[in-house]
Structure formats: C-alpha cells, structure tokens
Amino acid sequence: ETTRVLISGQRRGITPALAKLLKRRSAIEPEIGHMKSDGRLTRCPLKGRIGDAIFAVLCACGHNIRKILAHLRAFWAFVIRFILGIIVVVNRPLQMQGAA
C-alpha cells in the first residue's frame, strides 16, 4: 500500500472527488486548531486506535455543544433586551402621566 501526500495548492492529478475531499479538509482543519488551542484536544488518555477515535469524537461533541451554548447565550441576550425594551416603552407613558 502506498501513501500519497496531498497538498491543497496542487492542481495536477486531482480528480473532482479528491478536490471535494481537500475542500472539506480545509473546512475541518480550523475547527481542529480551535479544539487544540482551547485545551480540549490534548494527549489521548485512551488506549489504541479505537480509544483515539472515541477521544476525537468526544472532543468534537464537546466543541459542538460549546458552540451551541454560545449561540443560545446570544439568542437569550437578544430576547431579554427585546422584552426589556418593550417594558420600558410600555411604562414610559405611565411615568409621564404621574409627573403631570
């Protein structure tokens, strides 16, 4: 079995299927870099190839959950600002009448 090293800037000998795989790899590599820099994807404590695969999948699941929580945090902040804005607008005429 021979191993080919694929370089993303290389154009010669690239089939459409291979180009699609390289494009997918380019999309995944930044996510792996974020997992490594966040300190979650460290040295694998599990044994063997299966342990490596399980560890990678668990790290990816944790990363996805953190991304979902960040989106939910932003969404709820928007909802709370919206509701508080409505409360302020509704209470404003009442304050004006009390002052007059």
Protein backbone atom coordinates (compact mmCIF):
# COMPACT_ATOMS: atom_id res chain seq x y z
CA GLU A 1 0.00 0.00 0.00
CA THR A 2 1.38 3.40 -0.96
CA THR A 3 0.62 6.66 0.76
CA ARG A 4 0.13 9.89 -1.16
CA VAL A 5 0.68 13.24 0.47
CA LEU A 6 -1.93 15.68 -0.78
CA ILE A 7 -1.12 19.36 -0.82
CA SER A 8 -4.12 21.67 -1.13
CA GLY A 9 -2.46 24.09 -3.58
CA GLN A 10 -1.54 21.31 -6.01
CA ARG A 11 -3.62 21.13 -9.20
CA ARG A 12 -2.06 18.29 -11.16
CA GLY A 13 -3.60 14.83 -10.85
CA ILE A 14 -6.52 15.99 -8.73
CA THR A 15 -9.83 14.31 -9.54
CA PRO A 16 -13.11 16.09 -8.76
CA ALA A 17 -13.75 13.71 -5.85
CA LEU A 18 -10.28 14.39 -4.46
CA ALA A 19 -10.78 18.15 -4.86
CA LYS A 20 -14.00 17.84 -2.85
CA LEU A 21 -12.16 15.97 -0.08
CA LEU A 22 -9.42 18.63 0.02
CA LYS A 23 -12.05 21.36 0.27
CA ARG A 24 -13.69 19.51 3.15
CA ARG A 25 -10.32 19.10 4.88
CA SER A 26 -9.73 22.84 4.57
CA ALA A 27 -13.04 23.44 6.35
CA ILE A 28 -12.29 20.98 9.18
CA GLU A 29 -8.69 21.99 9.95
CA PRO A 30 -9.58 25.34 11.62
CA GLU A 31 -12.03 23.53 13.91
CA ILE A 32 -9.31 21.08 14.96
CA GLY A 33 -6.99 24.02 15.60
CA HIS A 34 -9.63 25.65 17.83
CA MET A 35 -10.08 22.41 19.77
CA LYS A 36 -6.32 22.16 20.28
CA SER A 37 -5.90 25.79 21.35
CA ASP A 38 -8.86 25.66 23.75
CA GLY A 39 -7.02 22.88 25.58
CA ARG A 40 -9.69 20.26 25.00
CA LEU A 41 -7.90 18.18 22.38
CA THR A 42 -4.78 17.17 24.26
CA ARG A 43 -2.88 13.94 24.60
CA CYS A 44 -5.27 10.99 24.38
CA PRO A 45 -5.62 9.06 27.65
CA LEU A 46 -7.43 6.15 25.94
CA LYS A 47 -5.63 3.08 24.56
CA GLY A 48 -5.34 2.02 20.94
CA ARG A 49 -6.86 3.19 17.70
CA ILE A 50 -10.40 2.81 18.98
CA GLY A 51 -9.51 4.93 22.01
CA ASP A 52 -8.06 7.60 19.71
CA ALA A 53 -11.24 7.59 17.61
CA ILE A 54 -13.50 7.76 20.67
CA PHE A 55 -11.45 10.60 22.16
CA ALA A 56 -11.61 12.60 18.91
CA VAL A 57 -15.38 12.12 18.62
CA LEU A 58 -15.93 13.12 22.26
CA CYS A 59 -13.78 16.24 21.81
CA ALA A 60 -15.77 17.15 18.70
CA CYS A 61 -19.07 16.63 20.57
CA GLY A 62 -17.90 18.88 23.38
CA HIS A 63 -16.78 21.51 20.87
CA ASN A 64 -20.17 21.42 19.13
CA ILE A 65 -22.01 21.72 22.46
CA ARG A 66 -19.90 24.76 23.37
CA LYS A 67 -20.78 26.35 20.00
CA ILE A 68 -24.49 25.65 20.52
CA LEU A 69 -24.36 27.15 24.03
CA ALA A 70 -22.67 30.28 22.67
CA HIS A 71 -25.48 30.70 20.10
CA LEU A 72 -28.12 30.15 22.78
CA ARG A 73 -26.44 32.71 25.04
CA ALA A 74 -26.53 35.29 22.24
CA PHE A 75 -30.16 34.43 21.40
CA TRP A 76 -31.35 34.79 25.01
CA ALA A 77 -29.47 38.05 25.42
CA PHE A 78 -31.36 39.35 22.36
CA VAL A 79 -34.71 38.11 23.73
CA ILE A 80 -34.11 39.72 27.14
CA ARG A 81 -33.08 43.04 25.55
CA PHE A 82 -36.20 42.93 23.37
CA ILE A 83 -38.52 42.24 26.31
CA LEU A 84 -36.88 44.92 28.47
CA GLY A 85 -37.25 47.38 25.60
CA ILE A 86 -40.98 46.65 25.42
CA ILE A 87 -41.33 47.05 29.20
CA VAL A 88 -39.58 50.43 29.09
CA VAL A 89 -41.80 51.65 26.23
CA VAL A 90 -44.99 50.46 27.99
CA ASN A 91 -44.02 52.09 31.31
CA ARG A 92 -42.93 55.40 29.79
CA PRO A 93 -46.45 56.88 29.25
CA LEU A 94 -47.40 55.94 32.83
CA GLN A 95 -44.43 57.84 34.21
CA MET A 96 -45.31 60.88 32.09
CA GLN A 97 -48.91 60.95 33.42
CA GLY A 98 -47.77 60.68 37.04
CA ALA A 99 -45.41 63.68 36.65
CA ALA A 100 -48.10 65.95 35.18
